[in-house]
Amino acid sequence: MRKFFYKIVITAISLTFSPLYIIGEIPDSVWSLQDCIEYALEKNISIQKSVWNNQSNQINLQQINANRLPSLNASVNQNFNWAREMAENQEYGSYSVSSGSSYALNMGLTLYNGFRNQKSIRRSELSYRAGQYDIEAIKETVSLNILDAYLQILYAEEQVKNNQKQIEATENQLKRAEERFKLGAISKSDYLQVKSEYASEKLSLTNSQSLLTLNKLTLMQLMELPVSSDFSIEYPDLSDIVLQMHIPDIDSVYNEALSIKPQIKNKEISLQIANLGVSIAKSSYQPKLSLSSGISTSYTSGSVLDYDYQVKNKISPFLGLSLSVPIYQNGQARSEVAQAKINTKIAELNEIDIKNQLRKEVEQVY
């Protein structure tokens, strides 16, 4: 029943999660379950790292989209040449200096490469989505850990209360036993037996109080909250949940979990990414067609023509097409395709494995 209660609360939490919760201030009094989860989600380092990792995926996606656009480069070259001049006596004399300048603007564009760019864009989009599901999966794990620690505190508090009540009852028994022992109504061994039970109950109370303190410490550490002796949690009202709780059909539970669990979504997308990897690797067999164009001009010193005239009249535009057909690549393309197919098989097994694990969890809880 305890595990089933966990799953009911977990499902409710997972259905209401959105991106990172932000909590304004630390509560002054008691912490509710929602307070604990929100604070933990804001402070958890793993979540923050996953968010930044997915930002990197987004940057990669933007870059791959930009690769479809033409590249444009400008260049300027300045050269100086030194040469000895021949004098009238047929001997070489002083050096003469000449210079030349050239200016160019070049553009390049890939027209066809086996649709590699388009497939790479799709793969990057899927990687970004998978990163989002990674974030949600970590959120879920953190929330479940907080939930478990929260419930452990509730159980420990109940145990402390039960031990305190038991001590009160045993203390009354001890007083009566002491009076009866003085009156000679019971033997000393009977009196000592009650006294031993009282000491045992006090030891149980001490142990339960220690366990409660340890459980609070565990929750505060999971939340990345500085340890405080004033930390306390709110006792939720579970009466409505218990009254409304019913056991659904096991198949419907499993199918519902398949549709909402971020771990499942992540593995499904990973399989799509692996299949795209095969297509991208096969594009290495395809020819590549590129377009290049540009414009250039130059200037050379020592000419009777001035700088402006040379630059304006030496303008030379160009346009070219380049076709590259792969014939033999030392087996590199074949190896890439084979490796991509292996990655696909691994992704398929990972998806089956995560679904089997989920099914086993549902069956155990059921």
Foldseek 3Di string as FASTA:
>chain_A
DVVLVLVVVLVVVLVPDDPQADDDDQDPAAAELVNLLNLLSVPPPVLVVLVVVLVVLVVVLVVLVCLQDKDKDKDKDKDKDWDFDQDPVRRTDHIDIKMKMKIKMKIKHWPDLLCLSVLVSVLSVLVSVLSVLVSSQVSSVLSSQLVVLVVQLVVLVVQLVVLVVVLVVLVVVLVVLVVCVVVVVDDPVVSVVSVVVNVVSVVSNVVSVVSNLVSLVSSCVSSVHPDDPNHHHDDDDCPVVVVPDDDDDLVVVLVVCCVRRSVLVSLVSQLVSLVSQLSSLVSNQPKIKMKMKMKMFMDMPPDPDDDVVRRVPRIDIDIDMDIGHDDDDPCPSVVSNVVSVVSNVVSVVSSVVVSVVSSVSSVVSD
